[in-house]
Every structure is written in structure tokens, then in C-alpha cells.
Amino acid sequence: MHSRADYLIVAGHHPVFSAGSHGNTRYLETNLKPLLEENNVTAYLSGHDHSTQVNDHKATPTGAWEQRLTLSV
């Protein structure tokens, strides 16, 4: 069943991508990221790294992923 909401927000403890001291979470990259994309999730909120980060991931025309990151501690 697909949501008809204007926004779909998911929260978890570990980040999928992070420029913090713990780095990316490979398990979530492999298993969660495809589900977030498949379900058109608007935002994924996470903690674990004690910093504020805004990640913007977009697929490029070649299918590779481009990452833009803003980090403040």
C-alpha cells in the first residue's frame, strides 16, 4: 500500500550517509536506501553522529549517485 500523504518522513538511529566520525552505515546503504527510494521518502532523520548534517543525494544521468553534504558541529 502506498501512502497518499504529501510528505513521508522516516526516522532511525543510525544514518545511511554521514560525514561524521562513524561514517556511512553500509548495511543501511544496501538494505534501507533502496526502500526509501522505492517509497519516495521525503526525509530520513537520524542521530548517532553528534553533529548536524544535511545530505542531498541525487542520481546522475549515468545512474551514479551524487552527494552534497552540509555539516556543522
C-alpha atoms as a PDB file:
ATOM      1  CA  MET A   1       0.000   0.000   0.000  1.00  0.00           C
ATOM      2  CA  HIS A   2       1.395   3.390  -0.988  1.00  0.00           C
ATOM      3  CA  SER A   3       0.939   6.475   1.136  1.00  0.00           C
ATOM      4  CA  ARG A   4      -1.070   9.360  -0.271  1.00  0.00           C
ATOM      5  CA  ALA A   5       0.498  11.820   2.192  1.00  0.00           C
ATOM      6  CA  ASP A   6       2.236  14.926   0.868  1.00  0.00           C
ATOM      7  CA  TYR A   7       5.344  14.061   2.889  1.00  0.00           C
ATOM      8  CA  LEU A   8       6.747  10.748   4.081  1.00  0.00           C
ATOM      9  CA  ILE A   9       9.310  11.030   6.885  1.00  0.00           C
ATOM     10  CA  VAL A  10      11.228   8.096   8.341  1.00  0.00           C
ATOM     11  CA  ALA A  11      13.400   8.225  11.478  1.00  0.00           C
ATOM     12  CA  GLY A  12      16.145   5.889  12.645  1.00  0.00           C
ATOM     13  CA  HIS A  13      19.113   5.926  14.978  1.00  0.00           C
ATOM     14  CA  HIS A  14      21.967   5.314  12.511  1.00  0.00           C
ATOM     15  CA  PRO A  15      22.438   7.491   9.417  1.00  0.00           C
ATOM     16  CA  VAL A  16      22.603   5.977   5.950  1.00  0.00           C
ATOM     17  CA  PHE A  17      25.251   8.521   4.904  1.00  0.00           C
ATOM     18  CA  SER A  18      27.418  10.542   7.276  1.00  0.00           C
ATOM     19  CA  ALA A  19      30.473  12.751   7.218  1.00  0.00           C
ATOM     20  CA  GLY A  20      30.692  12.323  10.986  1.00  0.00           C
ATOM     21  CA  SER A  21      33.140  10.194  12.908  1.00  0.00           C
ATOM     22  CA  HIS A  22      31.147   6.989  12.412  1.00  0.00           C
ATOM     23  CA  GLY A  23      30.854   7.362   8.639  1.00  0.00           C
ATOM     24  CA  ASN A  24      28.243   5.768   6.382  1.00  0.00           C
ATOM     25  CA  THR A  25      26.274   2.737   7.573  1.00  0.00           C
ATOM     26  CA  ARG A  26      26.911   0.123   4.864  1.00  0.00           C
ATOM     27  CA  TYR A  27      24.069  -2.152   5.983  1.00  0.00           C
ATOM     28  CA  LEU A  28      21.595   0.725   5.616  1.00  0.00           C
ATOM     29  CA  GLU A  29      23.091   1.753   2.266  1.00  0.00           C
ATOM     30  CA  THR A  30      22.413  -1.760   0.990  1.00  0.00           C
ATOM     31  CA  ASN A  31      19.110  -2.543   2.694  1.00  0.00           C
ATOM     32  CA  LEU A  32      17.332   0.665   3.712  1.00  0.00           C
ATOM     33  CA  LYS A  33      18.288   3.139   0.978  1.00  0.00           C
ATOM     34  CA  PRO A  34      16.500   1.137  -1.762  1.00  0.00           C
ATOM     35  CA  LEU A  35      13.322   1.020   0.363  1.00  0.00           C
ATOM     36  CA  LEU A  36      13.459   4.775   0.994  1.00  0.00           C
ATOM     37  CA  GLU A  37      13.823   5.411  -2.743  1.00  0.00           C
ATOM     38  CA  GLU A  38      11.164   2.879  -3.722  1.00  0.00           C
ATOM     39  CA  ASN A  39       8.663   4.545  -1.397  1.00  0.00           C
ATOM     40  CA  ASN A  40       9.597   8.136  -2.325  1.00  0.00           C
ATOM     41  CA  VAL A  41      10.531   9.051   1.243  1.00  0.00           C
ATOM     42  CA  THR A  42      10.818  12.820   1.635  1.00  0.00           C
ATOM     43  CA  ALA A  43      13.265  12.794   4.553  1.00  0.00           C
ATOM     44  CA  TYR A  44      15.174  10.293   6.674  1.00  0.00           C
ATOM     45  CA  LEU A  45      16.065  11.685  10.110  1.00  0.00           C
ATOM     46  CA  SER A  46      18.764  10.026  12.195  1.00  0.00           C
ATOM     47  CA  GLY A  47      21.103  10.592  15.103  1.00  0.00           C
ATOM     48  CA  HIS A  48      24.161   8.621  16.251  1.00  0.00           C
ATOM     49  CA  ASP A  49      26.742  11.148  14.997  1.00  0.00           C
ATOM     50  CA  HIS A  50      26.578  14.166  17.288  1.00  0.00           C
ATOM     51  CA  SER A  51      26.515  16.787  14.545  1.00  0.00           C
ATOM     52  CA  THR A  52      24.024  18.468  12.251  1.00  0.00           C
ATOM     53  CA  GLN A  53      24.243  17.238   8.667  1.00  0.00           C
ATOM     54  CA  VAL A  54      22.064  17.779   5.633  1.00  0.00           C
ATOM     55  CA  ASN A  55      22.646  15.225   2.890  1.00  0.00           C
ATOM     56  CA  ASP A  56      21.171  15.597  -0.570  1.00  0.00           C
ATOM     57  CA  HIS A  57      21.579  12.537  -2.763  1.00  0.00           C
ATOM     58  CA  LYS A  58      20.546  12.539  -6.395  1.00  0.00           C
ATOM     59  CA  ALA A  59      21.001  10.067  -9.198  1.00  0.00           C
ATOM     60  CA  THR A  60      23.041  11.459 -12.087  1.00  0.00           C
ATOM     61  CA  PRO A  61      22.112  10.694 -15.724  1.00  0.00           C
ATOM     62  CA  THR A  62      24.610   7.795 -15.681  1.00  0.00           C
ATOM     63  CA  GLY A  63      22.890   6.263 -12.647  1.00  0.00           C
ATOM     64  CA  ALA A  64      25.744   7.125 -10.271  1.00  0.00           C
ATOM     65  CA  TRP A  65      24.863   8.843  -7.000  1.00  0.00           C
ATOM     66  CA  GLU A  66      25.947  12.401  -6.289  1.00  0.00           C
ATOM     67  CA  GLN A  67      26.188  13.501  -2.667  1.00  0.00           C
ATOM     68  CA  ARG A  68      26.080  17.054  -1.370  1.00  0.00           C
ATOM     69  CA  LEU A  69      26.684  17.473   2.328  1.00  0.00           C
ATOM     70  CA  THR A  70      26.404  20.329   4.790  1.00  0.00           C
ATOM     71  CA  LEU A  71      27.993  19.666   8.193  1.00  0.00           C
ATOM     72  CA  SER A  72      28.025  21.709  11.370  1.00  0.00           C
ATOM     73  CA  VAL A  73      29.217  20.597  14.795  1.00  0.00           C
END
